């Protein structure tokens, strides 16, 4: 899984993205998924914040994080991962492979 954060350091619109980044950087996520890669682009530009998740099946979730709270984004990521797990199981596969 690849997670990308593009945020301005002192822009109020990036609060949710920065909170989500803080949560995703926790050791428990790295231990649970050893293939987890996190890219953070923290800059001083006025670009809107962006959070993007790329999953093992090459599907993506992108968020304009100024419209979401961190828990909403994380909830959608968990839901997407759970749906992937169900799809893999129905096809006789495992996400561990």
PDB file of N, CA and C in Angstrom:
ATOM      1  N   UNK A   1       0.844  -1.168   0.000  1.00  0.00           N
ATOM      2  CA  UNK A   1       0.000   0.000   0.000  1.00  0.00           C
ATOM      3  C   UNK A   1       0.893   1.236   0.000  1.00  0.00           C
ATOM      4  N   UNK A   2       0.500   2.201  -0.782  1.00  0.00           N
ATOM      5  CA  UNK A   2       1.204   3.473  -0.851  1.00  0.00           C
ATOM      6  C   UNK A   2       0.253   4.573  -0.412  1.00  0.00           C
ATOM      7  N   UNK A   3       0.706   5.430   0.484  1.00  0.00           N
ATOM      8  CA  UNK A   3      -0.092   6.556   0.953  1.00  0.00           C
ATOM      9  C   UNK A   3       0.673   7.830   0.650  1.00  0.00           C
ATOM     10  N   UNK A   4       0.025   8.783  -0.011  1.00  0.00           N
ATOM     11  CA  UNK A   4       0.661  10.056  -0.347  1.00  0.00           C
ATOM     12  C   UNK A   4      -0.107  11.196   0.296  1.00  0.00           C
ATOM     13  N   UNK A   5       0.619  12.096   0.923  1.00  0.00           N
ATOM     14  CA  UNK A   5       0.046  13.297   1.515  1.00  0.00           C
ATOM     15  C   UNK A   5       0.688  14.501   0.839  1.00  0.00           C
ATOM     16  N   UNK A   6      -0.127  15.430   0.356  1.00  0.00           N
ATOM     17  CA  UNK A   6       0.375  16.680  -0.195  1.00  0.00           C
ATOM     18  C   UNK A   6      -0.324  17.781   0.597  1.00  0.00           C
ATOM     19  N   UNK A   7       0.432  18.433   1.469  1.00  0.00           N
ATOM     20  CA  UNK A   7      -0.164  19.426   2.373  1.00  0.00           C
ATOM     21  C   UNK A   7       0.741  20.642   2.509  1.00  0.00           C
ATOM     22  N   UNK A   8       0.111  21.775   2.770  1.00  0.00           N
ATOM     23  CA  UNK A   8       0.846  22.987   3.097  1.00  0.00           C
ATOM     24  C   UNK A   8       1.036  23.013   4.613  1.00  0.00           C
ATOM     25  N   UNK A   9       2.202  23.397   5.029  1.00  0.00           N
ATOM     26  CA  UNK A   9       2.562  23.296   6.443  1.00  0.00           C
ATOM     27  C   UNK A   9       1.651  24.093   7.374  1.00  0.00           C
ATOM     28  N   UNK A  10       1.274  25.296   7.006  1.00  0.00           N
ATOM     29  CA  UNK A  10       0.523  26.147   7.931  1.00  0.00           C
ATOM     30  C   UNK A  10      -0.845  26.543   7.401  1.00  0.00           C
ATOM     31  N   UNK A  11      -1.391  25.763   6.503  1.00  0.00           N
ATOM     32  CA  UNK A  11      -2.695  26.050   5.913  1.00  0.00           C
ATOM     33  C   UNK A  11      -3.773  25.355   6.739  1.00  0.00           C
ATOM     34  N   UNK A  12      -4.791  26.086   7.156  1.00  0.00           N
ATOM     35  CA  UNK A  12      -5.856  25.513   7.984  1.00  0.00           C
ATOM     36  C   UNK A  12      -6.616  24.413   7.255  1.00  0.00           C
ATOM     37  N   UNK A  13      -6.626  24.477   5.919  1.00  0.00           N
ATOM     38  CA  UNK A  13      -7.355  23.467   5.144  1.00  0.00           C
ATOM     39  C   UNK A  13      -6.721  22.085   5.259  1.00  0.00           C
ATOM     40  N   UNK A  14      -5.499  22.012   5.738  1.00  0.00           N
ATOM     41  CA  UNK A  14      -4.776  20.731   5.775  1.00  0.00           C
ATOM     42  C   UNK A  14      -4.862  20.028   7.129  1.00  0.00           C
ATOM     43  N   UNK A  15      -5.669  20.537   8.027  1.00  0.00           N
ATOM     44  CA  UNK A  15      -5.726  19.940   9.369  1.00  0.00           C
ATOM     45  C   UNK A  15      -6.088  18.462   9.341  1.00  0.00           C
ATOM     46  N   UNK A  16      -7.102  18.101   8.557  1.00  0.00           N
ATOM     47  CA  UNK A  16      -7.515  16.690   8.489  1.00  0.00           C
ATOM     48  C   UNK A  16      -6.420  15.820   7.890  1.00  0.00           C
ATOM     49  N   UNK A  17      -5.773  16.315   6.841  1.00  0.00           N
ATOM     50  CA  UNK A  17      -4.699  15.545   6.199  1.00  0.00           C
ATOM     51  C   UNK A  17      -3.534  15.355   7.162  1.00  0.00           C
ATOM     52  N   UNK A  18      -3.178  16.404   7.900  1.00  0.00           N
ATOM     53  CA  UNK A  18      -2.070  16.285   8.849  1.00  0.00           C
ATOM     54  C   UNK A  18      -2.417  15.336   9.993  1.00  0.00           C
ATOM     55  N   UNK A  19      -3.678  15.365  10.450  1.00  0.00           N
ATOM     56  CA  UNK A  19      -4.107  14.442  11.509  1.00  0.00           C
ATOM     57  C   UNK A  19      -4.093  13.007  11.004  1.00  0.00           C
ATOM     58  N   UNK A  20      -4.577  12.792   9.784  1.00  0.00           N
ATOM     59  CA  UNK A  20      -4.551  11.447   9.210  1.00  0.00           C
ATOM     60  C   UNK A  20      -3.116  10.967   9.036  1.00  0.00           C
ATOM     61  N   UNK A  21      -2.227  11.847   8.613  1.00  0.00           N
ATOM     62  CA  UNK A  21      -0.821  11.478   8.459  1.00  0.00           C
ATOM     63  C   UNK A  21      -0.233  11.074   9.811  1.00  0.00           C
ATOM     64  N   UNK A  22      -0.557  11.814  10.858  1.00  0.00           N
ATOM     65  CA  UNK A  22      -0.075  11.481  12.199  1.00  0.00           C
ATOM     66  C   UNK A  22      -0.550  10.091  12.607  1.00  0.00           C
ATOM     67  N   UNK A  23      -1.809   9.781  12.317  1.00  0.00           N
ATOM     68  CA  UNK A  23      -2.366   8.484  12.688  1.00  0.00           C
ATOM     69  C   UNK A  23      -1.743   7.348  11.878  1.00  0.00           C
ATOM     70  N   UNK A  24      -1.581   7.553  10.571  1.00  0.00           N
ATOM     71  CA  UNK A  24      -1.055   6.503   9.696  1.00  0.00           C
ATOM     72  C   UNK A  24       0.421   6.239   9.963  1.00  0.00           C
ATOM     73  N   UNK A  25       1.131   7.215  10.475  1.00  0.00           N
ATOM     74  CA  UNK A  25       2.546   7.033  10.789  1.00  0.00           C
ATOM     75  C   UNK A  25       2.774   6.225  12.071  1.00  0.00           C
ATOM     76  N   UNK A  26       1.699   5.848  12.748  1.00  0.00           N
ATOM     77  CA  UNK A  26       1.820   5.059  13.974  1.00  0.00           C
ATOM     78  C   UNK A  26       2.461   3.703  13.680  1.00  0.00           C
ATOM     79  N   UNK A  27       3.232   3.222  14.624  1.00  0.00           N
ATOM     80  CA  UNK A  27       3.945   1.953  14.460  1.00  0.00           C
ATOM     81  C   UNK A  27       3.020   0.778  14.188  1.00  0.00           C
ATOM     82  N   UNK A  28       1.809   0.804  14.729  1.00  0.00           N
ATOM     83  CA  UNK A  28       0.910  -0.349  14.559  1.00  0.00           C
ATOM     84  C   UNK A  28       0.556  -0.585  13.098  1.00  0.00           C
ATOM     85  N   UNK A  29       0.477   0.472  12.289  1.00  0.00           N
ATOM     86  CA  UNK A  29       0.183   0.286  10.866  1.00  0.00           C
ATOM     87  C   UNK A  29       1.389  -0.283  10.130  1.00  0.00           C
ATOM     88  N   UNK A  30       2.562   0.156  10.510  1.00  0.00           N
ATOM     89  CA  UNK A  30       3.779  -0.373   9.883  1.00  0.00           C
ATOM     90  C   UNK A  30       3.983  -1.845  10.230  1.00  0.00           C
ATOM     91  N   UNK A  31       3.643  -2.216  11.466  1.00  0.00           N
ATOM     92  CA  UNK A  31       3.767  -3.616  11.885  1.00  0.00           C
ATOM     93  C   UNK A  31       2.726  -4.486  11.188  1.00  0.00           C
ATOM     94  N   UNK A  32       1.508  -3.957  11.011  1.00  0.00           N
ATOM     95  CA  UNK A  32       0.429  -4.722  10.389  1.00  0.00           C
ATOM     96  C   UNK A  32       0.639  -4.889   8.889  1.00  0.00           C
ATOM     97  N   UNK A  33       1.293  -3.922   8.257  1.00  0.00           N
ATOM     98  CA  UNK A  33       1.512  -3.980   6.813  1.00  0.00           C
ATOM     99  C   UNK A  33       2.950  -3.570   6.522  1.00  0.00           C
ATOM    100  N   UNK A  34       3.799  -4.556   6.370  1.00  0.00           N
ATOM    101  CA  UNK A  34       5.222  -4.274   6.152  1.00  0.00           C
ATOM    102  C   UNK A  34       5.494  -3.641   4.793  1.00  0.00           C
ATOM    103  N   UNK A  35       4.533  -3.719   3.877  1.00  0.00           N
ATOM    104  CA  UNK A  35       4.700  -3.115   2.552  1.00  0.00           C
ATOM    105  C   UNK A  35       4.164  -1.686   2.500  1.00  0.00           C
ATOM    106  N   UNK A  36       3.758  -1.146   3.628  1.00  0.00           N
ATOM    107  CA  UNK A  36       3.218   0.208   3.693  1.00  0.00           C
ATOM    108  C   UNK A  36       4.304   1.233   3.403  1.00  0.00           C
ATOM    109  N   UNK A  37       4.055   2.079   2.448  1.00  0.00           N
ATOM    110  CA  UNK A  37       4.974   3.176   2.108  1.00  0.00           C
ATOM    111  C   UNK A  37       4.203   4.482   2.237  1.00  0.00           C
ATOM    112  N   UNK A  38       4.834   5.466   2.859  1.00  0.00           N
ATOM    113  CA  UNK A  38       4.184   6.756   3.065  1.00  0.00           C
ATOM    114  C   UNK A  38       5.062   7.845   2.468  1.00  0.00           C
ATOM    115  N   UNK A  39       4.484   8.615   1.565  1.00  0.00           N
ATOM    116  CA  UNK A  39       5.167   9.761   0.976  1.00  0.00           C
ATOM    117  C   UNK A  39       4.472  11.021   1.462  1.00  0.00           C
ATOM    118  N   UNK A  40       5.233  11.940   2.003  1.00  0.00           N
ATOM    119  CA  UNK A  40       4.662  13.197   2.476  1.00  0.00           C
ATOM    120  C   UNK A  40       5.344  14.356   1.772  1.00  0.00           C
ATOM    121  N   UNK A  41       4.542  15.174   1.129  1.00  0.00           N
ATOM    122  CA  UNK A  41       5.029  16.390   0.479  1.00  0.00           C
ATOM    123  C   UNK A  41       4.466  17.562   1.265  1.00  0.00           C
ATOM    124  N   UNK A  42       5.253  18.077   2.183  1.00  0.00           N
ATOM    125  CA  UNK A  42       4.826  19.200   3.018  1.00  0.00           C
ATOM    126  C   UNK A  42       5.514  20.440   2.479  1.00  0.00           C
ATOM    127  N   UNK A  43       4.727  21.393   2.043  1.00  0.00           N
ATOM    128  CA  UNK A  43       5.272  22.549   1.342  1.00  0.00           C
ATOM    129  C   UNK A  43       4.624  23.840   1.837  1.00  0.00           C
ATOM    130  N   UNK A  44       4.987  24.939   1.241  1.00  0.00           N
ATOM    131  CA  UNK A  44       4.453  26.237   1.617  1.00  0.00           C
ATOM    132  C   UNK A  44       3.581  26.844   0.535  1.00  0.00           C
ATOM    133  N   UNK A  45       3.127  26.034  -0.414  1.00  0.00           N
ATOM    134  CA  UNK A  45       2.298  26.518  -1.515  1.00  0.00           C
ATOM    135  C   UNK A  45       0.840  26.640  -1.079  1.00  0.00           C
ATOM    136  N   UNK A  46       0.027  27.234  -1.926  1.00  0.00           N
ATOM    137  CA  UNK A  46      -1.394  27.391  -1.600  1.00  0.00           C
ATOM    138  C   UNK A  46      -2.253  26.319  -2.261  1.00  0.00           C
ATOM    139  N   UNK A  47      -1.643  25.241  -2.724  1.00  0.00           N
ATOM    140  CA  UNK A  47      -2.387  24.150  -3.342  1.00  0.00           C
ATOM    141  C   UNK A  47      -3.313  23.500  -2.326  1.00  0.00           C
ATOM    142  N   UNK A  48      -4.481  23.024  -2.781  1.00  0.00           N
ATOM    143  CA  UNK A  48      -5.383  22.350  -1.844  1.00  0.00           C
ATOM    144  C   UNK A  48      -4.765  21.026  -1.363  1.00  0.00           C
ATOM    145  N   UNK A  49      -5.103  20.594  -0.156  1.00  0.00           N
ATOM    146  CA  UNK A  49      -4.540  19.358   0.383  1.00  0.00           C
ATOM    147  C   UNK A  49      -5.063  18.140  -0.369  1.00  0.00           C
ATOM    148  N   UNK A  50      -4.223  17.124  -0.478  1.00  0.00           N
ATOM    149  CA  UNK A  50      -4.592  15.893  -1.155  1.00  0.00           C
ATOM    150  C   UNK A  50      -4.048  14.714  -0.361  1.00  0.00           C
ATOM    151  N   UNK A  51      -4.888  13.705  -0.209  1.00  0.00           N
ATOM    152  CA  UNK A  51      -4.478  12.447   0.406  1.00  0.00           C
ATOM    153  C   UNK A  51      -4.860  11.338  -0.563  1.00  0.00           C
ATOM    154  N   UNK A  52      -3.906  10.480  -0.908  1.00  0.00           N
ATOM    155  CA  UNK A  52      -4.171   9.400  -1.862  1.00  0.00           C
ATOM    156  C   UNK A  52      -3.663   8.075  -1.313  1.00  0.00           C
ATOM    157  N   UNK A  53      -4.463   7.040  -1.471  1.00  0.00           N
ATOM    158  CA  UNK A  53      -4.119   5.689  -1.066  1.00  0.00           C
ATOM    159  C   UNK A  53      -4.115   4.811  -2.305  1.00  0.00           C
ATOM    160  N   UNK A  54      -3.045   4.049  -2.500  1.00  0.00           N
ATOM    161  CA  UNK A  54      -2.984   3.077  -3.593  1.00  0.00           C
ATOM    162  C   UNK A  54      -2.842   1.698  -2.966  1.00  0.00           C
ATOM    163  N   UNK A  55      -3.748   0.792  -3.344  1.00  0.00           N
ATOM    164  CA  UNK A  55      -3.832  -0.522  -2.725  1.00  0.00           C
ATOM    165  C   UNK A  55      -3.106  -1.571  -3.556  1.00  0.00           C
ATOM    166  N   UNK A  56      -2.986  -2.761  -3.004  1.00  0.00           N
ATOM    167  CA  UNK A  56      -2.262  -3.862  -3.646  1.00  0.00           C
ATOM    168  C   UNK A  56      -2.869  -4.254  -4.986  1.00  0.00           C
ATOM    169  N   UNK A  57      -4.175  -4.048  -5.168  1.00  0.00           N
ATOM    170  CA  UNK A  57      -4.827  -4.388  -6.429  1.00  0.00           C
ATOM    171  C   UNK A  57      -4.814  -3.220  -7.418  1.00  0.00           C
ATOM    172  N   UNK A  58      -3.999  -2.216  -7.132  1.00  0.00           N
ATOM    173  CA  UNK A  58      -3.847  -1.000  -7.942  1.00  0.00           C
ATOM    174  C   UNK A  58      -5.061  -0.078  -7.928  1.00  0.00           C
ATOM    175  N   UNK A  59      -6.023  -0.346  -7.073  1.00  0.00           N
ATOM    176  CA  UNK A  59      -7.134   0.592  -6.923  1.00  0.00           C
ATOM    177  C   UNK A  59      -6.657   1.769  -6.084  1.00  0.00           C
ATOM    178  N   UNK A  60      -7.325   2.900  -6.234  1.00  0.00           N
ATOM    179  CA  UNK A  60      -6.914   4.110  -5.525  1.00  0.00           C
ATOM    180  C   UNK A  60      -8.103   4.792  -4.877  1.00  0.00           C
ATOM    181  N   UNK A  61      -7.845   5.434  -3.770  1.00  0.00           N
ATOM    182  CA  UNK A  61      -8.789   6.339  -3.123  1.00  0.00           C
ATOM    183  C   UNK A  61      -8.082   7.676  -2.980  1.00  0.00           C
ATOM    184  N   UNK A  62      -8.719   8.745  -3.457  1.00  0.00           N
ATOM    185  CA  UNK A  62      -8.145  10.082  -3.320  1.00  0.00           C
ATOM    186  C   UNK A  62      -9.142  10.972  -2.590  1.00  0.00           C
ATOM    187  N   UNK A  63      -8.608  11.783  -1.708  1.00  0.00           N
ATOM    188  CA  UNK A  63      -9.442  12.668  -0.914  1.00  0.00           C
ATOM    189  C   UNK A  63      -8.943  14.104  -1.021  1.00  0.00           C
ATOM    190  N   UNK A  64      -9.854  15.027  -1.243  1.00  0.00           N
ATOM    191  CA  UNK A  64      -9.570  16.441  -1.034  1.00  0.00           C
ATOM    192  C   UNK A  64      -9.858  16.636   0.451  1.00  0.00           C
ATOM    193  N   UNK A  65      -8.833  16.535   1.260  1.00  0.00           N
ATOM    194  CA  UNK A  65      -9.012  16.366   2.703  1.00  0.00           C
ATOM    195  C   UNK A  65      -9.657  17.555   3.401  1.00  0.00           C
ATOM    196  N   UNK A  66      -9.772  18.700   2.734  1.00  0.00           N
ATOM    197  CA  UNK A  66     -10.433  19.825   3.385  1.00  0.00           C
ATOM    198  C   UNK A  66     -11.936  19.579   3.516  1.00  0.00           C
ATOM    199  N   UNK A  67     -12.452  18.566   2.794  1.00  0.00           N
ATOM    200  CA  UNK A  67     -13.875  18.243   2.844  1.00  0.00           C
ATOM    201  C   UNK A  67     -14.181  17.065   3.766  1.00  0.00           C
ATOM    202  N   UNK A  68     -13.161  16.489   4.396  1.00  0.00           N
ATOM    203  CA  UNK A  68     -13.335  15.318   5.249  1.00  0.00           C
ATOM    204  C   UNK A  68     -12.633  15.529   6.590  1.00  0.00           C
ATOM    205  N   UNK A  69     -13.109  14.781   7.591  1.00  0.00           N
ATOM    206  CA  UNK A  69     -12.379  14.686   8.853  1.00  0.00           C
ATOM    207  C   UNK A  69     -11.503  13.432   8.744  1.00  0.00           C
ATOM    208  N   UNK A  70     -10.444  13.374   9.497  1.00  0.00           N
ATOM    209  CA  UNK A  70      -9.496  12.254   9.418  1.00  0.00           C
ATOM    210  C   UNK A  70     -10.185  10.912   9.631  1.00  0.00           C
ATOM    211  N   UNK A  71     -11.114  10.836  10.576  1.00  0.00           N
ATOM    212  CA  UNK A  71     -11.783   9.557  10.849  1.00  0.00           C
ATOM    213  C   UNK A  71     -12.645   9.105   9.677  1.00  0.00           C
ATOM    214  N   UNK A  72     -13.231  10.048   8.935  1.00  0.00           N
ATOM    215  CA  UNK A  72     -14.028   9.678   7.759  1.00  0.00           C
ATOM    216  C   UNK A  72     -13.138   9.068   6.678  1.00  0.00           C
ATOM    217  N   UNK A  73     -11.994   9.686   6.436  1.00  0.00           N
ATOM    218  CA  UNK A  73     -11.080   9.159   5.419  1.00  0.00           C
ATOM    219  C   UNK A  73     -10.571   7.777   5.816  1.00  0.00           C
ATOM    220  N   UNK A  74     -10.161   7.632   7.068  1.00  0.00           N
ATOM    221  CA  UNK A  74      -9.649   6.349   7.539  1.00  0.00           C
ATOM    222  C   UNK A  74     -10.740   5.279   7.487  1.00  0.00           C
ATOM    223  N   UNK A  75     -11.963   5.648   7.797  1.00  0.00           N
ATOM    224  CA  UNK A  75     -13.080   4.720   7.718  1.00  0.00           C
ATOM    225  C   UNK A  75     -13.311   4.228   6.298  1.00  0.00           C
ATOM    226  N   UNK A  76     -13.215   5.140   5.324  1.00  0.00           N
ATOM    227  CA  UNK A  76     -13.379   4.740   3.923  1.00  0.00           C
ATOM    228  C   UNK A  76     -12.249   3.825   3.469  1.00  0.00           C
ATOM    229  N   UNK A  77     -11.036   4.087   3.964  1.00  0.00           N
ATOM    230  CA  UNK A  77      -9.895   3.231   3.627  1.00  0.00           C
ATOM    231  C   UNK A  77     -10.105   1.833   4.201  1.00  0.00           C
ATOM    232  N   UNK A  78     -10.529   1.741   5.456  1.00  0.00           N
ATOM    233  CA  UNK A  78     -10.792   0.443   6.080  1.00  0.00           C
ATOM    234  C   UNK A  78     -11.904  -0.297   5.329  1.00  0.00           C
ATOM    235  N   UNK A  79     -12.962   0.432   4.931  1.00  0.00           N
ATOM    236  CA  UNK A  79     -14.066  -0.185   4.200  1.00  0.00           C
ATOM    237  C   UNK A  79     -13.593  -0.726   2.855  1.00  0.00           C
ATOM    238  N   UNK A  80     -12.777   0.055   2.155  1.00  0.00           N
ATOM    239  CA  UNK A  80     -12.239  -0.381   0.863  1.00  0.00           C
ATOM    240  C   UNK A  80     -11.358  -1.627   1.042  1.00  0.00           C
ATOM    241  N   UNK A  81     -10.512  -1.620   2.052  1.00  0.00           N
ATOM    242  CA  UNK A  81      -9.637  -2.771   2.313  1.00  0.00           C
ATOM    243  C   UNK A  81     -10.459  -4.003   2.682  1.00  0.00           C
ATOM    244  N   UNK A  82     -11.517  -3.814   3.438  1.00  0.00           N
ATOM    245  CA  UNK A  82     -12.382  -4.931   3.809  1.00  0.00           C
ATOM    246  C   UNK A  82     -13.084  -5.498   2.571  1.00  0.00           C
ATOM    247  N   UNK A  83     -13.558  -4.623   1.684  1.00  0.00           N
ATOM    248  CA  UNK A  83     -14.197  -5.081   0.445  1.00  0.00           C
ATOM    249  C   UNK A  83     -13.196  -5.840  -0.428  1.00  0.00           C
ATOM    250  N   UNK A  84     -11.955  -5.372  -0.475  1.00  0.00           N
ATOM    251  CA  UNK A  84     -10.916  -6.081  -1.221  1.00  0.00           C
ATOM    252  C   UNK A  84     -10.708  -7.482  -0.643  1.00  0.00           C
ATOM    253  N   UNK A  85     -10.645  -7.572   0.660  1.00  0.00           N
ATOM    254  CA  UNK A  85     -10.445  -8.857   1.330  1.00  0.00           C
ATOM    255  C   UNK A  85     -11.578  -9.820   0.992  1.00  0.00           C
ATOM    256  N   UNK A  86     -12.812  -9.321   1.011  1.00  0.00           N
ATOM    257  CA  UNK A  86     -13.972 -10.152   0.685  1.00  0.00           C
ATOM    258  C   UNK A  86     -13.897 -10.617  -0.764  1.00  0.00           C
ATOM    259  N   UNK A  87     -13.574  -9.708  -1.682  1.00  0.00           N
ATOM    260  CA  UNK A  87     -13.453 -10.067  -3.101  1.00  0.00           C
ATOM    261  C   UNK A  87     -12.375 -11.120  -3.315  1.00  0.00           C
ATOM    262  N   UNK A  88     -11.243 -10.949  -2.657  1.00  0.00           N
ATOM    263  CA  UNK A  88     -10.147 -11.916  -2.787  1.00  0.00           C
ATOM    264  C   UNK A  88     -10.585 -13.286  -2.268  1.00  0.00           C
ATOM    265  N   UNK A  89     -11.257 -13.322  -1.124  1.00  0.00           N
ATOM    266  CA  UNK A  89     -11.714 -14.590  -0.551  1.00  0.00           C
ATOM    267  C   UNK A  89     -12.716 -15.270  -1.460  1.00  0.00           C
ATOM    268  N   UNK A  90     -13.627 -14.504  -2.063  1.00  0.00           N
ATOM    269  CA  UNK A  90     -14.636 -15.079  -2.957  1.00  0.00           C
ATOM    270  C   UNK A  90     -13.970 -15.681  -4.206  1.00  0.00           C
ATOM    271  N   UNK A  91     -12.821 -15.155  -4.605  1.00  0.00           N
ATOM    272  CA  UNK A  91     -12.100 -15.668  -5.760  1.00  0.00           C
ATOM    273  C   UNK A  91     -11.040 -16.701  -5.380  1.00  0.00           C
ATOM    274  N   UNK A  92     -11.030 -17.105  -4.110  1.00  0.00           N
ATOM    275  CA  UNK A  92     -10.076 -18.120  -3.662  1.00  0.00           C
ATOM    276  C   UNK A  92      -8.657 -17.615  -3.523  1.00  0.00           C
ATOM    277  N   UNK A  93      -8.497 -16.306  -3.396  1.00  0.00           N
ATOM    278  CA  UNK A  93      -7.160 -15.717  -3.254  1.00  0.00           C
ATOM    279  C   UNK A  93      -6.983 -15.214  -1.829  1.00  0.00           C
ATOM    280  N   UNK A  94      -5.792 -14.720  -1.568  1.00  0.00           N
ATOM    281  CA  UNK A  94      -5.513 -14.111  -0.264  1.00  0.00           C
ATOM    282  C   UNK A  94      -4.711 -12.838  -0.487  1.00  0.00           C
ATOM    283  N   UNK A  95      -5.003 -11.795   0.276  1.00  0.00           N
ATOM    284  CA  UNK A  95      -4.234 -10.563   0.128  1.00  0.00           C
ATOM    285  C   UNK A  95      -2.830 -10.721   0.670  1.00  0.00           C
ATOM    286  N   UNK A  96      -2.598 -11.815   1.388  1.00  0.00           N
ATOM    287  CA  UNK A  96      -1.268 -12.099   1.915  1.00  0.00           C
ATOM    288  C   UNK A  96      -0.300 -12.485   0.798  1.00  0.00           C
ATOM    289  N   UNK A  97      -0.836 -12.978  -0.326  1.00  0.00           N
ATOM    290  CA  UNK A  97       0.012 -13.447  -1.441  1.00  0.00           C
ATOM    291  C   UNK A  97       0.627 -12.316  -2.221  1.00  0.00           C
TER     292      UNK A  97
END
